[in-house]
C-alpha atoms as a PDB file:
ATOM      1  CA  MET A   1       0.002  -0.001   0.002  1.00  0.00           C
ATOM      2  CA  ILE A   2       2.694   2.492   0.954  1.00  0.00           C
ATOM      3  CA  SER A   3       4.737   1.680  -2.139  1.00  0.00           C
ATOM      4  CA  GLY A   4       1.905   2.885  -4.392  1.00  0.00           C
ATOM      5  CA  LEU A   5       1.617   6.192  -2.575  1.00  0.00           C
ATOM      6  CA  PRO A   6       4.409   7.984  -4.483  1.00  0.00           C
ATOM      7  CA  ARG A   7       2.715   7.085  -7.788  1.00  0.00           C
ATOM      8  CA  VAL A   8      -0.584   8.492  -6.544  1.00  0.00           C
ATOM      9  CA  ILE A   9       1.106  11.716  -5.474  1.00  0.00           C
ATOM     10  CA  VAL A  10       2.803  12.086  -8.861  1.00  0.00           C
ATOM     11  CA  LYS A  11      -0.522  11.474 -10.654  1.00  0.00           C
ATOM     12  CA  VAL A  12      -2.284  14.109  -8.553  1.00  0.00           C
ATOM     13  CA  GLN A  13       0.520  16.589  -9.235  1.00  0.00           C
ATOM     14  CA  ASP A  14       0.464  15.848 -12.961  1.00  0.00           C
ATOM     15  CA  ASP A  15      -3.330  16.202 -13.123  1.00  0.00           C
ATOM     16  CA  THR A  16      -3.205  19.474 -11.194  1.00  0.00           C
ATOM     17  CA  VAL A  17      -0.540  20.955 -13.463  1.00  0.00           C
ATOM     18  CA  ALA A  18      -2.471  19.865 -16.574  1.00  0.00           C
ATOM     19  CA  VAL A  19      -5.688  21.478 -15.298  1.00  0.00           C
ATOM     20  CA  ILE A  20      -3.929  24.741 -14.384  1.00  0.00           C
ATOM     21  CA  LYS A  21      -2.231  24.921 -17.784  1.00  0.00           C
ATOM     22  CA  MET A  22      -5.569  24.440 -19.548  1.00  0.00           C
ATOM     23  CA  LEU A  23      -7.276  27.015 -17.330  1.00  0.00           C
ATOM     24  CA  ILE A  24      -4.559  29.520 -18.194  1.00  0.00           C
ATOM     25  CA  ALA A  25      -5.124  28.659 -21.874  1.00  0.00           C
ATOM     26  CA  LYS A  26      -8.821  29.574 -21.358  1.00  0.00           C
ATOM     27  CA  LYS A  27     -10.129  26.054 -21.990  1.00  0.00           C
ATOM     28  CA  SER A  28     -13.663  25.289 -20.807  1.00  0.00           C
ATOM     29  CA  TYR A  29     -14.339  22.907 -17.934  1.00  0.00           C
ATOM     30  CA  GLU A  30     -15.791  20.432 -20.408  1.00  0.00           C
ATOM     31  CA  GLU A  31     -12.678  20.559 -22.599  1.00  0.00           C
ATOM     32  CA  ILE A  32     -10.459  20.031 -19.553  1.00  0.00           C
ATOM     33  CA  ALA A  33     -12.592  17.143 -18.317  1.00  0.00           C
ATOM     34  CA  GLN A  34     -12.456  15.474 -21.710  1.00  0.00           C
ATOM     35  CA  ALA A  35      -8.685  15.931 -22.042  1.00  0.00           C
ATOM     36  CA  THR A  36      -7.801  14.782 -18.524  1.00  0.00           C
ATOM     37  CA  GLY A  37     -10.575  12.334 -17.717  1.00  0.00           C
ATOM     38  CA  LEU A  38     -11.239  14.171 -14.461  1.00  0.00           C
ATOM     39  CA  ASP A  39     -14.678  14.905 -13.030  1.00  0.00           C
ATOM     40  CA  LEU A  40     -15.920  18.488 -13.320  1.00  0.00           C
ATOM     41  CA  LYS A  41     -16.051  18.740  -9.505  1.00  0.00           C
ATOM     42  CA  VAL A  42     -12.354  17.929  -9.313  1.00  0.00           C
ATOM     43  CA  ILE A  43     -11.536  20.558 -11.933  1.00  0.00           C
ATOM     44  CA  VAL A  44     -13.571  23.220 -10.122  1.00  0.00           C
ATOM     45  CA  GLY A  45     -11.869  22.246  -6.849  1.00  0.00           C
ATOM     46  CA  ILE A  46      -8.416  22.626  -8.390  1.00  0.00           C
ATOM     47  CA  LYS A  47      -9.403  26.008  -9.837  1.00  0.00           C
ATOM     48  CA  GLU A  48     -10.686  27.224  -6.459  1.00  0.00           C
ATOM     49  CA  ILE A  49      -7.491  26.168  -4.695  1.00  0.00           C
ATOM     50  CA  PHE A  50      -5.342  27.735  -7.438  1.00  0.00           C
ATOM     51  CA  GLU A  51      -7.200  31.066  -7.171  1.00  0.00           C
ATOM     52  CA  SER A  52      -7.276  31.177  -3.359  1.00  0.00           C
ATOM     53  CA  ASP A  53      -4.893  33.367  -1.397  1.00  0.00           C
END
């Protein structure tokens, strides 16, 4: 279980970076969801965290 943790962390980081790049590129939530395979709720959550202080 612990051995898989680093892979999960890397995946979360990669997904977060991909979403932020697409948000900066003015992609719609639907386009981001389709490109990343992430749920819209996850994308909105990443956006909210990215824009918070």
